[in-house]
Full PDB file with SEQRES, HELIX, SHEET, SSBOND, CRYST1, ORIGX, SCALE, CONECT and MASTER records, all heavy atoms in Angstrom:
SEQRES   1 A   36  ILE ASP ASP LEU ILE ASN ARG ASP LYS ASP ILE LEU ASN          
SEQRES   2 A   36  LYS LEU SER ILE TYR SER ARG GLU TYR PHE SER ASN ASN          
SEQRES   3 A   36  ASP MET PHE ASN ASP LYS VAL VAL PHE ASP                      
HELIX    1 AA1 ASP A    2  ARG A    7  1                                   6    
HELIX    2 AA2 ILE A   11  SER A   24  1                                  14    
HELIX    3 AA3 ASP A   27  PHE A   29  5                                   3    
HELIX    4 AA4 LYS A   32  PHE A   35  1                                   4    
CRYST1    1.000    1.000    1.000  90.00  90.00  90.00 P 1           1          
ORIGX1      1.000000  0.000000  0.000000        0.00000                         
ORIGX2      0.000000  1.000000  0.000000        0.00000                         
ORIGX3      0.000000  0.000000  1.000000        0.00000                         
SCALE1      1.000000  0.000000  0.000000        0.00000                         
SCALE2      0.000000  1.000000  0.000000        0.00000                         
SCALE3      0.000000  0.000000  1.000000        0.00000                         
ATOM      1  N   ILE A   1      -1.669 -12.694  -8.800  1.00  0.00           N  
ATOM      2  CA  ILE A   1      -1.943 -12.242  -7.443  1.00  0.00           C  
ATOM      3  C   ILE A   1      -2.725 -13.292  -6.651  1.00  0.00           C  
ATOM      4  O   ILE A   1      -2.560 -13.415  -5.427  1.00  0.00           O  
ATOM      5  CB  ILE A   1      -2.693 -10.882  -7.450  1.00  0.00           C  
ATOM      6  CG1 ILE A   1      -2.773 -10.291  -6.033  1.00  0.00           C  
ATOM      7  CG2 ILE A   1      -4.054 -11.026  -8.084  1.00  0.00           C  
ATOM      8  CD1 ILE A   1      -1.437  -9.986  -5.405  1.00  0.00           C  
ATOM      9  N   ASP A   2      -3.560 -14.078  -7.324  1.00  0.00           N  
ATOM     10  CA  ASP A   2      -4.308 -15.130  -6.628  1.00  0.00           C  
ATOM     11  C   ASP A   2      -3.375 -16.175  -6.031  1.00  0.00           C  
ATOM     12  O   ASP A   2      -3.638 -16.720  -4.949  1.00  0.00           O  
ATOM     13  CB  ASP A   2      -5.307 -15.794  -7.576  1.00  0.00           C  
ATOM     14  CG  ASP A   2      -6.498 -14.899  -7.880  1.00  0.00           C  
ATOM     15  OD1 ASP A   2      -6.954 -14.204  -6.951  1.00  0.00           O  
ATOM     16  OD2 ASP A   2      -6.966 -14.896  -9.030  1.00  0.00           O  
ATOM     17  N   ASP A   3      -2.279 -16.462  -6.722  1.00  0.00           N  
ATOM     18  CA  ASP A   3      -1.305 -17.420  -6.202  1.00  0.00           C  
ATOM     19  C   ASP A   3      -0.642 -16.891  -4.935  1.00  0.00           C  
ATOM     20  O   ASP A   3      -0.419 -17.644  -3.978  1.00  0.00           O  
ATOM     21  CB  ASP A   3      -0.241 -17.728  -7.262  1.00  0.00           C  
ATOM     22  CG  ASP A   3      -0.823 -18.437  -8.466  1.00  0.00           C  
ATOM     23  OD1 ASP A   3      -1.507 -19.463  -8.271  1.00  0.00           O  
ATOM     24  OD2 ASP A   3      -0.628 -17.957  -9.592  1.00  0.00           O  
ATOM     25  N   LEU A   4      -0.319 -15.614  -4.936  1.00  0.00           N  
ATOM     26  CA  LEU A   4       0.275 -15.018  -3.745  1.00  0.00           C  
ATOM     27  C   LEU A   4      -0.690 -15.089  -2.565  1.00  0.00           C  
ATOM     28  O   LEU A   4      -0.300 -15.408  -1.445  1.00  0.00           O  
ATOM     29  CB  LEU A   4       0.657 -13.562  -4.013  1.00  0.00           C  
ATOM     30  CG  LEU A   4       1.793 -13.301  -5.003  1.00  0.00           C  
ATOM     31  CD1 LEU A   4       2.014 -11.802  -5.161  1.00  0.00           C  
ATOM     32  CD2 LEU A   4       3.077 -13.975  -4.568  1.00  0.00           C  
ATOM     33  N   ILE A   5      -1.943 -14.777  -2.842  1.00  0.00           N  
ATOM     34  CA  ILE A   5      -2.958 -14.784  -1.776  1.00  0.00           C  
ATOM     35  C   ILE A   5      -3.185 -16.199  -1.255  1.00  0.00           C  
ATOM     36  O   ILE A   5      -3.344 -16.415  -0.042  1.00  0.00           O  
ATOM     37  CB  ILE A   5      -4.282 -14.172  -2.289  1.00  0.00           C  
ATOM     38  CG1 ILE A   5      -4.085 -12.693  -2.610  1.00  0.00           C  
ATOM     39  CG2 ILE A   5      -5.396 -14.347  -1.260  1.00  0.00           C  
ATOM     40  CD1 ILE A   5      -5.257 -12.068  -3.349  1.00  0.00           C  
ATOM     41  N   ASN A   6      -3.190 -17.182  -2.137  1.00  0.00           N  
ATOM     42  CA  ASN A   6      -3.409 -18.570  -1.718  1.00  0.00           C  
ATOM     43  C   ASN A   6      -2.313 -19.058  -0.784  1.00  0.00           C  
ATOM     44  O   ASN A   6      -2.558 -19.893   0.099  1.00  0.00           O  
ATOM     45  CB  ASN A   6      -3.495 -19.477  -2.944  1.00  0.00           C  
ATOM     46  CG  ASN A   6      -4.786 -19.288  -3.712  1.00  0.00           C  
ATOM     47  OD1 ASN A   6      -5.775 -18.798  -3.165  1.00  0.00           O  
ATOM     48  ND2 ASN A   6      -4.777 -19.651  -4.990  1.00  0.00           N  
ATOM     49  N   ARG A   7      -1.095 -18.539  -0.963  1.00  0.00           N  
ATOM     50  CA  ARG A   7       0.038 -18.952  -0.131  1.00  0.00           C  
ATOM     51  C   ARG A   7       0.168 -18.124   1.140  1.00  0.00           C  
ATOM     52  O   ARG A   7       0.721 -18.581   2.134  1.00  0.00           O  
ATOM     53  CB  ARG A   7       1.333 -18.853  -0.941  1.00  0.00           C  
ATOM     54  CG  ARG A   7       1.386 -19.757  -2.142  1.00  0.00           C  
ATOM     55  CD  ARG A   7       1.463 -21.221  -1.737  1.00  0.00           C  
ATOM     56  NE  ARG A   7       1.567 -22.084  -2.889  1.00  0.00           N  
ATOM     57  CZ  ARG A   7       1.728 -23.388  -2.839  1.00  0.00           C  
ATOM     58  NH1 ARG A   7       1.796 -23.987  -1.677  1.00  0.00           N  
ATOM     59  NH2 ARG A   7       1.788 -24.107  -3.940  1.00  0.00           N  
ATOM     60  N   ASP A   8      -0.318 -16.892   1.092  1.00  0.00           N  
ATOM     61  CA  ASP A   8      -0.206 -15.993   2.247  1.00  0.00           C  
ATOM     62  C   ASP A   8      -1.466 -15.139   2.311  1.00  0.00           C  
ATOM     63  O   ASP A   8      -1.594 -14.154   1.588  1.00  0.00           O  
ATOM     64  CB  ASP A   8       1.043 -15.117   2.115  1.00  0.00           C  
ATOM     65  CG  ASP A   8       1.279 -14.253   3.338  1.00  0.00           C  
ATOM     66  OD1 ASP A   8       0.379 -14.164   4.196  1.00  0.00           O  
ATOM     67  OD2 ASP A   8       2.369 -13.652   3.448  1.00  0.00           O  
ATOM     68  N   LYS A   9      -2.391 -15.520   3.164  1.00  0.00           N  
ATOM     69  CA  LYS A   9      -3.691 -14.849   3.236  1.00  0.00           C  
ATOM     70  C   LYS A   9      -3.579 -13.392   3.660  1.00  0.00           C  
ATOM     71  O   LYS A   9      -4.501 -12.611   3.424  1.00  0.00           O  
ATOM     72  CB  LYS A   9      -4.611 -15.592   4.222  1.00  0.00           C  
ATOM     73  CG  LYS A   9      -4.871 -17.040   3.868  1.00  0.00           C  
ATOM     74  CD  LYS A   9      -5.516 -17.179   2.492  1.00  0.00           C  
ATOM     75  CE  LYS A   9      -5.797 -18.648   2.163  1.00  0.00           C  
ATOM     76  NZ  LYS A   9      -6.346 -18.820   0.799  1.00  0.00           N  
ATOM     77  N   ASP A  10      -2.461 -13.025   4.268  1.00  0.00           N  
ATOM     78  CA  ASP A  10      -2.304 -11.657   4.778  1.00  0.00           C  
ATOM     79  C   ASP A  10      -1.477 -10.780   3.843  1.00  0.00           C  
ATOM     80  O   ASP A  10      -1.154  -9.646   4.172  1.00  0.00           O  
ATOM     81  CB  ASP A  10      -1.646 -11.701   6.162  1.00  0.00           C  
ATOM     82  CG  ASP A  10      -1.789 -10.381   6.915  1.00  0.00           C  
ATOM     83  OD1 ASP A  10      -2.890  -9.782   6.861  1.00  0.00           O  
ATOM     84  OD2 ASP A  10      -0.804  -9.933   7.524  1.00  0.00           O  
ATOM     85  N   ILE A  11      -1.141 -11.287   2.670  1.00  0.00           N  
ATOM     86  CA  ILE A  11      -0.195 -10.560   1.825  1.00  0.00           C  
ATOM     87  C   ILE A  11      -0.747  -9.225   1.322  1.00  0.00           C  
ATOM     88  O   ILE A  11      -0.014  -8.251   1.187  1.00  0.00           O  
ATOM     89  CB  ILE A  11       0.289 -11.432   0.648  1.00  0.00           C  
ATOM     90  CG1 ILE A  11       1.535 -10.778   0.015  1.00  0.00           C  
ATOM     91  CG2 ILE A  11      -0.816 -11.623  -0.379  1.00  0.00           C  
ATOM     92  CD1 ILE A  11       2.276 -11.678  -0.922  1.00  0.00           C  
ATOM     93  N   LEU A  12      -2.042  -9.140   1.056  1.00  0.00           N  
ATOM     94  CA  LEU A  12      -2.612  -7.870   0.587  1.00  0.00           C  
ATOM     95  C   LEU A  12      -2.474  -6.789   1.653  1.00  0.00           C  
ATOM     96  O   LEU A  12      -2.198  -5.628   1.333  1.00  0.00           O  
ATOM     97  CB  LEU A  12      -4.075  -8.050   0.194  1.00  0.00           C  
ATOM     98  CG  LEU A  12      -4.343  -8.849  -1.086  1.00  0.00           C  
ATOM     99  CD1 LEU A  12      -5.840  -9.011  -1.306  1.00  0.00           C  
ATOM    100  CD2 LEU A  12      -3.700  -8.173  -2.295  1.00  0.00           C  
ATOM    101  N   ASN A  13      -2.664  -7.161   2.911  1.00  0.00           N  
ATOM    102  CA  ASN A  13      -2.481  -6.193   3.998  1.00  0.00           C  
ATOM    103  C   ASN A  13      -1.033  -5.744   4.085  1.00  0.00           C  
ATOM    104  O   ASN A  13      -0.749  -4.559   4.308  1.00  0.00           O  
ATOM    105  CB  ASN A  13      -2.923  -6.805   5.336  1.00  0.00           C  
ATOM    106  CG  ASN A  13      -4.426  -6.927   5.442  1.00  0.00           C  
ATOM    107  OD1 ASN A  13      -5.171  -6.094   4.927  1.00  0.00           O  
ATOM    108  ND2 ASN A  13      -4.899  -7.975   6.102  1.00  0.00           N  
ATOM    109  N   LYS A  14      -0.106  -6.673   3.913  1.00  0.00           N  
ATOM    110  CA  LYS A  14       1.317  -6.327   3.950  1.00  0.00           C  
ATOM    111  C   LYS A  14       1.678  -5.371   2.817  1.00  0.00           C  
ATOM    112  O   LYS A  14       2.390  -4.383   3.016  1.00  0.00           O  
ATOM    113  CB  LYS A  14       2.164  -7.592   3.853  1.00  0.00           C  
ATOM    114  CG  LYS A  14       2.021  -8.535   5.037  1.00  0.00           C  
ATOM    115  CD  LYS A  14       2.816  -9.813   4.803  1.00  0.00           C  
ATOM    116  CE  LYS A  14       2.636 -10.803   5.945  1.00  0.00           C  
ATOM    117  NZ  LYS A  14       3.362 -12.074   5.687  1.00  0.00           N  
ATOM    118  N   LEU A  15       1.173  -5.660   1.628  1.00  0.00           N  
ATOM    119  CA  LEU A  15       1.448  -4.800   0.477  1.00  0.00           C  
ATOM    120  C   LEU A  15       0.839  -3.416   0.675  1.00  0.00           C  
ATOM    121  O   LEU A  15       1.452  -2.395   0.327  1.00  0.00           O  
ATOM    122  CB  LEU A  15       0.891  -5.441  -0.801  1.00  0.00           C  
ATOM    123  CG  LEU A  15       1.509  -6.775  -1.224  1.00  0.00           C  
ATOM    124  CD1 LEU A  15       0.786  -7.334  -2.442  1.00  0.00           C  
ATOM    125  CD2 LEU A  15       3.000  -6.620  -1.517  1.00  0.00           C  
ATOM    126  N   SER A  16      -0.357  -3.368   1.234  1.00  0.00           N  
ATOM    127  CA  SER A  16      -1.039  -2.099   1.458  1.00  0.00           C  
ATOM    128  C   SER A  16      -0.299  -1.244   2.481  1.00  0.00           C  
ATOM    129  O   SER A  16      -0.069  -0.050   2.258  1.00  0.00           O  
ATOM    130  CB  SER A  16      -2.474  -2.357   1.934  1.00  0.00           C  
ATOM    131  OG  SER A  16      -3.134  -1.141   2.241  1.00  0.00           O  
ATOM    132  N   ILE A  17       0.091  -1.835   3.595  1.00  0.00           N  
ATOM    133  CA  ILE A  17       0.786  -1.090   4.656  1.00  0.00           C  
ATOM    134  C   ILE A  17       2.110  -0.538   4.140  1.00  0.00           C  
ATOM    135  O   ILE A  17       2.438   0.636   4.349  1.00  0.00           O  
ATOM    136  CB  ILE A  17       1.008  -1.986   5.884  1.00  0.00           C  
ATOM    137  CG1 ILE A  17      -0.334  -2.299   6.558  1.00  0.00           C  
ATOM    138  CG2 ILE A  17       1.956  -1.318   6.879  1.00  0.00           C  
ATOM    139  CD1 ILE A  17      -0.246  -3.371   7.621  1.00  0.00           C  
ATOM    140  N   TYR A  18       2.866  -1.372   3.441  1.00  0.00           N  
ATOM    141  CA  TYR A  18       4.167  -0.925   2.919  1.00  0.00           C  
ATOM    142  C   TYR A  18       3.984   0.196   1.904  1.00  0.00           C  
ATOM    143  O   TYR A  18       4.697   1.209   1.947  1.00  0.00           O  
ATOM    144  CB  TYR A  18       4.907  -2.094   2.274  1.00  0.00           C  
ATOM    145  CG  TYR A  18       6.340  -1.762   1.905  1.00  0.00           C  
ATOM    146  CD1 TYR A  18       7.386  -2.080   2.754  1.00  0.00           C  
ATOM    147  CD2 TYR A  18       6.639  -1.125   0.697  1.00  0.00           C  
ATOM    148  CE1 TYR A  18       8.698  -1.783   2.422  1.00  0.00           C  
ATOM    149  CE2 TYR A  18       7.939  -0.812   0.360  1.00  0.00           C  
ATOM    150  CZ  TYR A  18       8.967  -1.145   1.222  1.00  0.00           C  
ATOM    151  OH  TYR A  18      10.265  -0.825   0.888  1.00  0.00           O  
ATOM    152  N   SER A  19       3.026   0.045   0.996  1.00  0.00           N  
ATOM    153  CA  SER A  19       2.802   1.042  -0.051  1.00  0.00           C  
ATOM    154  C   SER A  19       2.411   2.386   0.553  1.00  0.00           C  
ATOM    155  O   SER A  19       2.926   3.438   0.146  1.00  0.00           O  
ATOM    156  CB  SER A  19       1.707   0.564  -1.011  1.00  0.00           C  
ATOM    157  OG  SER A  19       2.066  -0.646  -1.634  1.00  0.00           O  
ATOM    158  N   ARG A  20       1.523   2.368   1.507  1.00  0.00           N  
ATOM    159  CA  ARG A  20       1.066   3.624   2.122  1.00  0.00           C  
ATOM    160  C   ARG A  20       2.189   4.320   2.879  1.00  0.00           C  
ATOM    161  O   ARG A  20       2.327   5.548   2.818  1.00  0.00           O  
ATOM    162  CB  ARG A  20      -0.119   3.346   3.041  1.00  0.00           C  
ATOM    163  CG  ARG A  20      -1.391   3.022   2.268  1.00  0.00           C  
ATOM    164  CD  ARG A  20      -2.568   2.716   3.177  1.00  0.00           C  
ATOM    165  NE  ARG A  20      -3.794   2.535   2.385  1.00  0.00           N  
ATOM    166  CZ  ARG A  20      -4.975   2.251   2.898  1.00  0.00           C  
ATOM    167  NH1 ARG A  20      -5.113   2.108   4.211  1.00  0.00           N  
ATOM    168  NH2 ARG A  20      -6.029   2.115   2.118  1.00  0.00           N  
ATOM    169  N   GLU A  21       2.993   3.552   3.583  1.00  0.00           N  
ATOM    170  CA  GLU A  21       4.127   4.148   4.294  1.00  0.00           C  
ATOM    171  C   GLU A  21       5.124   4.749   3.303  1.00  0.00           C  
ATOM    172  O   GLU A  21       5.664   5.838   3.526  1.00  0.00           O  
ATOM    173  CB  GLU A  21       4.808   3.099   5.163  1.00  0.00           C  
ATOM    174  CG  GLU A  21       3.994   2.681   6.378  1.00  0.00           C  
ATOM    175  CD  GLU A  21       4.701   1.632   7.212  1.00  0.00           C  
ATOM    176  OE1 GLU A  21       5.757   1.114   6.770  1.00  0.00           O  
ATOM    177  OE2 GLU A  21       4.188   1.310   8.300  1.00  0.00           O  
ATOM    178  N   TYR A  22       5.341   4.043   2.209  1.00  0.00           N  
ATOM    179  CA  TYR A  22       6.293   4.509   1.196  1.00  0.00           C  
ATOM    180  C   TYR A  22       5.815   5.819   0.560  1.00  0.00           C  
ATOM    181  O   TYR A  22       6.572   6.795   0.484  1.00  0.00           O  
ATOM    182  CB  TYR A  22       6.462   3.429   0.123  1.00  0.00           C  
ATOM    183  CG  TYR A  22       7.392   3.804  -1.000  1.00  0.00           C  
ATOM    184  CD1 TYR A  22       8.749   3.546  -0.906  1.00  0.00           C  
ATOM    185  CD2 TYR A  22       6.908   4.416  -2.162  1.00  0.00           C  
ATOM    186  CE1 TYR A  22       9.613   3.893  -1.943  1.00  0.00           C  
ATOM    187  CE2 TYR A  22       7.750   4.771  -3.189  1.00  0.00           C  
ATOM    188  CZ  TYR A  22       9.107   4.499  -3.079  1.00  0.00           C  
ATOM    189  OH  TYR A  22       9.948   4.855  -4.100  1.00  0.00           O  
ATOM    190  N   PHE A  23       4.588   5.866   0.111  1.00  0.00           N  
ATOM    191  CA  PHE A  23       4.081   7.056  -0.572  1.00  0.00           C  
ATOM    192  C   PHE A  23       3.835   8.216   0.391  1.00  0.00           C  
ATOM    193  O   PHE A  23       3.927   9.381  -0.009  1.00  0.00           O  
ATOM    194  CB  PHE A  23       2.800   6.725  -1.336  1.00  0.00           C  
ATOM    195  CG  PHE A  23       3.012   5.832  -2.527  1.00  0.00           C  
ATOM    196  CD1 PHE A  23       2.325   4.633  -2.642  1.00  0.00           C  
ATOM    197  CD2 PHE A  23       3.918   6.178  -3.521  1.00  0.00           C  
ATOM    198  CE1 PHE A  23       2.525   3.811  -3.735  1.00  0.00           C  
ATOM    199  CE2 PHE A  23       4.134   5.357  -4.620  1.00  0.00           C  
ATOM    200  CZ  PHE A  23       3.437   4.162  -4.723  1.00  0.00           C  
ATOM    201  N   SER A  24       3.546   7.927   1.625  1.00  0.00           N  
ATOM    202  CA  SER A  24       3.308   8.993   2.605  1.00  0.00           C  
ATOM    203  C   SER A  24       4.571   9.811   2.859  1.00  0.00           C  
ATOM    204  O   SER A  24       4.499  10.960   3.304  1.00  0.00           O  
ATOM    205  CB  SER A  24       2.800   8.396   3.927  1.00  0.00           C  
ATOM    206  OG  SER A  24       1.503   7.868   3.762  1.00  0.00           O  
ATOM    207  N   ASN A  25       5.727   9.246   2.559  1.00  0.00           N  
ATOM    208  CA  ASN A  25       6.995   9.959   2.727  1.00  0.00           C  
ATOM    209  C   ASN A  25       7.365  10.799   1.507  1.00  0.00           C  
ATOM    210  O   ASN A  25       8.418  11.437   1.489  1.00  0.00           O  
ATOM    211  CB  ASN A  25       8.128   8.963   3.021  1.00  0.00           C  
ATOM    212  CG  ASN A  25       7.984   8.322   4.385  1.00  0.00           C  
ATOM    213  OD1 ASN A  25       7.576   8.986   5.339  1.00  0.00           O  
ATOM    214  ND2 ASN A  25       8.304   7.046   4.490  1.00  0.00           N  
ATOM    215  N   ASN A  26       6.500  10.785   0.498  1.00  0.00           N  
ATOM    216  CA  ASN A  26       6.717  11.561  -0.720  1.00  0.00           C  
ATOM    217  C   ASN A  26       5.903  12.851  -0.633  1.00  0.00           C  
ATOM    218  O   ASN A  26       4.693  12.826  -0.446  1.00  0.00           O  
ATOM    219  CB  ASN A  26       6.291  10.741  -1.941  1.00  0.00           C  
ATOM    220  CG  ASN A  26       6.668  11.378  -3.250  1.00  0.00           C  
ATOM    221  OD1 ASN A  26       6.628  12.603  -3.392  1.00  0.00           O  
ATOM    222  ND2 ASN A  26       7.025  10.562  -4.235  1.00  0.00           N  
ATOM    223  N   ASP A  27       6.577  13.996  -0.772  1.00  0.00           N  
ATOM    224  CA  ASP A  27       5.913  15.304  -0.616  1.00  0.00           C  
ATOM    225  C   ASP A  27       4.776  15.503  -1.610  1.00  0.00           C  
ATOM    226  O   ASP A  27       3.859  16.307  -1.366  1.00  0.00           O  
ATOM    227  CB  ASP A  27       6.932  16.434  -0.765  1.00  0.00           C  
ATOM    228  CG  ASP A  27       7.903  16.494   0.402  1.00  0.00           C  
ATOM    229  OD1 ASP A  27       7.568  15.927   1.465  1.00  0.00           O  
ATOM    230  OD2 ASP A  27       8.980  17.091   0.252  1.00  0.00           O  
ATOM    231  N   MET A  28       4.828  14.820  -2.742  1.00  0.00           N  
ATOM    232  CA  MET A  28       3.782  14.990  -3.754  1.00  0.00           C  
ATOM    233  C   MET A  28       2.417  14.515  -3.267  1.00  0.00           C  
ATOM    234  O   MET A  28       1.391  14.871  -3.830  1.00  0.00           O  
ATOM    235  CB  MET A  28       4.168  14.267  -5.049  1.00  0.00           C  
ATOM    236  CG  MET A  28       5.291  14.948  -5.814  1.00  0.00           C  
ATOM    237  SD  MET A  28       5.550  14.262  -7.474  1.00  0.00           S  
ATOM    238  CE  MET A  28       6.116  12.628  -7.083  1.00  0.00           C  
ATOM    239  N   PHE A  29       2.412  13.713  -2.203  1.00  0.00           N  
ATOM    240  CA  PHE A  29       1.156  13.196  -1.682  1.00  0.00           C  
ATOM    241  C   PHE A  29       0.669  13.993  -0.468  1.00  0.00           C  
ATOM    242  O   PHE A  29      -0.233  13.551   0.244  1.00  0.00           O  
ATOM    243  CB  PHE A  29       1.302  11.714  -1.327  1.00  0.00           C  
ATOM    244  CG  PHE A  29       1.502  10.835  -2.531  1.00  0.00           C  
ATOM    245  CD1 PHE A  29       2.777  10.543  -2.984  1.00  0.00           C  
ATOM    246  CD2 PHE A  29       0.419  10.337  -3.232  1.00  0.00           C  
ATOM    247  CE1 PHE A  29       2.970   9.746  -4.103  1.00  0.00           C  
ATOM    248  CE2 PHE A  29       0.601   9.539  -4.354  1.00  0.00           C  
ATOM    249  CZ  PHE A  29       1.881   9.247  -4.801  1.00  0.00           C  
ATOM    250  N   ASN A  30       1.261  15.174  -0.263  1.00  0.00           N  
ATOM    251  CA  ASN A  30       0.820  16.037   0.835  1.00  0.00           C  
ATOM    252  C   ASN A  30      -0.540  16.663   0.553  1.00  0.00           C  
ATOM    253  O   ASN A  30      -1.300  16.971   1.472  1.00  0.00           O  
ATOM    254  CB  ASN A  30       1.851  17.134   1.117  1.00  0.00           C  
ATOM    255  CG  ASN A  30       3.104  16.574   1.784  1.00  0.00           C  
ATOM    256  OD1 ASN A  30       3.080  15.479   2.344  1.00  0.00           O  
ATOM    257  ND2 ASN A  30       4.199  17.309   1.723  1.00  0.00           N  
ATOM    258  N   ASP A  31      -0.813  16.885  -0.737  1.00  0.00           N  
ATOM    259  CA  ASP A  31      -2.111  17.439  -1.121  1.00  0.00           C  
ATOM    260  C   ASP A  31      -3.215  16.452  -0.731  1.00  0.00           C  
ATOM    261  O   ASP A  31      -3.108  15.253  -0.994  1.00  0.00           O  
ATOM    262  CB  ASP A  31      -2.136  17.695  -2.627  1.00  0.00           C  
ATOM    263  CG  ASP A  31      -3.464  18.255  -3.095  1.00  0.00           C  
ATOM    264  OD1 ASP A  31      -3.622  19.472  -3.071  1.00  0.00           O  
ATOM    265  OD2 ASP A  31      -4.337  17.454  -3.484  1.00  0.00           O  
ATOM    266  N   LYS A  32      -4.276  16.963  -0.097  1.00  0.00           N  
ATOM    267  CA  LYS A  32      -5.320  16.079   0.433  1.00  0.00           C  
ATOM    268  C   LYS A  32      -5.999  15.253  -0.653  1.00  0.00           C  
ATOM    269  O   LYS A  32      -6.275  14.068  -0.462  1.00  0.00           O  
ATOM    270  CB  LYS A  32      -6.370  16.888   1.201  1.00  0.00           C  
ATOM    271  CG  LYS A  32      -7.403  16.007   1.904  1.00  0.00           C  
ATOM    272  CD  LYS A  32      -8.426  16.805   2.656  1.00  0.00           C  
ATOM    273  CE  LYS A  32      -9.362  15.893   3.445  1.00  0.00           C  
ATOM    274  NZ  LYS A  32      -9.973  14.832   2.626  1.00  0.00           N  
ATOM    275  N   VAL A  33      -6.274  15.887  -1.799  1.00  0.00           N  
ATOM    276  CA  VAL A  33      -6.945  15.161  -2.888  1.00  0.00           C  
ATOM    277  C   VAL A  33      -6.074  14.011  -3.369  1.00  0.00           C  
ATOM    278  O   VAL A  33      -6.539  12.878  -3.552  1.00  0.00           O  
ATOM    279  CB  VAL A  33      -7.280  16.112  -4.049  1.00  0.00           C  
ATOM    280  CG1 VAL A  33      -7.821  15.322  -5.245  1.00  0.00           C  
ATOM    281  CG2 VAL A  33      -8.292  17.166  -3.613  1.00  0.00           C  
ATOM    282  N   VAL A  34      -4.790  14.296  -3.564  1.00  0.00           N  
ATOM    283  CA  VAL A  34      -3.865  13.269  -4.033  1.00  0.00           C  
ATOM    284  C   VAL A  34      -3.667  12.200  -2.959  1.00  0.00           C  
ATOM    285  O   VAL A  34      -3.619  10.999  -3.256  1.00  0.00           O  
ATOM    286  CB  VAL A  34      -2.506  13.897  -4.428  1.00  0.00           C  
ATOM    287  CG1 VAL A  34      -1.552  12.827  -4.939  1.00  0.00           C  
ATOM    288  CG2 VAL A  34      -2.708  14.966  -5.490  1.00  0.00           C  
ATOM    289  N   PHE A  35      -3.569  12.637  -1.712  1.00  0.00           N  
ATOM    290  CA  PHE A  35      -3.405  11.686  -0.608  1.00  0.00           C  
ATOM    291  C   PHE A  35      -4.598  10.732  -0.533  1.00  0.00           C  
ATOM    292  O   PHE A  35      -4.424   9.520  -0.353  1.00  0.00           O  
ATOM    293  CB  PHE A  35      -3.251  12.447   0.718  1.00  0.00           C  
ATOM    294  CG  PHE A  35      -3.060  11.550   1.906  1.00  0.00           C  
ATOM    295  CD1 PHE A  35      -1.810  11.018   2.186  1.00  0.00           C  
ATOM    296  CD2 PHE A  35      -4.124  11.223   2.732  1.00  0.00           C  
ATOM    297  CE1 PHE A  35      -1.619  10.172   3.289  1.00  0.00           C  
ATOM    298  CE2 PHE A  35      -3.954  10.380   3.831  1.00  0.00           C  
ATOM    299  CZ  PHE A  35      -2.692   9.871   4.107  1.00  0.00           C  
ATOM    300  N   ASP A  36      -5.796  11.266  -0.695  1.00  0.00           N  
ATOM    301  CA  ASP A  36      -6.995  10.425  -0.654  1.00  0.00           C  
ATOM    302  C   ASP A  36      -7.007   9.429  -1.812  1.00  0.00           C  
ATOM    303  O   ASP A  36      -7.450   8.275  -1.647  1.00  0.00           O  
ATOM    304  CB  ASP A  36      -8.258  11.291  -0.706  1.00  0.00           C  
ATOM    305  CG  ASP A  36      -8.490  12.057   0.593  1.00  0.00           C  
ATOM    306  OD1 ASP A  36      -7.867  11.702   1.605  1.00  0.00           O  
ATOM    307  OD2 ASP A  36      -9.282  13.022   0.582  1.00  0.00           O  
TER     308      ASP A  36                                                      
MASTER        0    0    0    4    0    0    0    6  307    1    0    3          
END                                                                             
């Protein structure tokens, strides 16, 4: 992961945004505890 970050300083933000959008569309994450 350090190599990815060294080449693209914004990559963690990109991974985070994509992951959250992906999981937010899954009904299993509707529960507040699980969503948090």
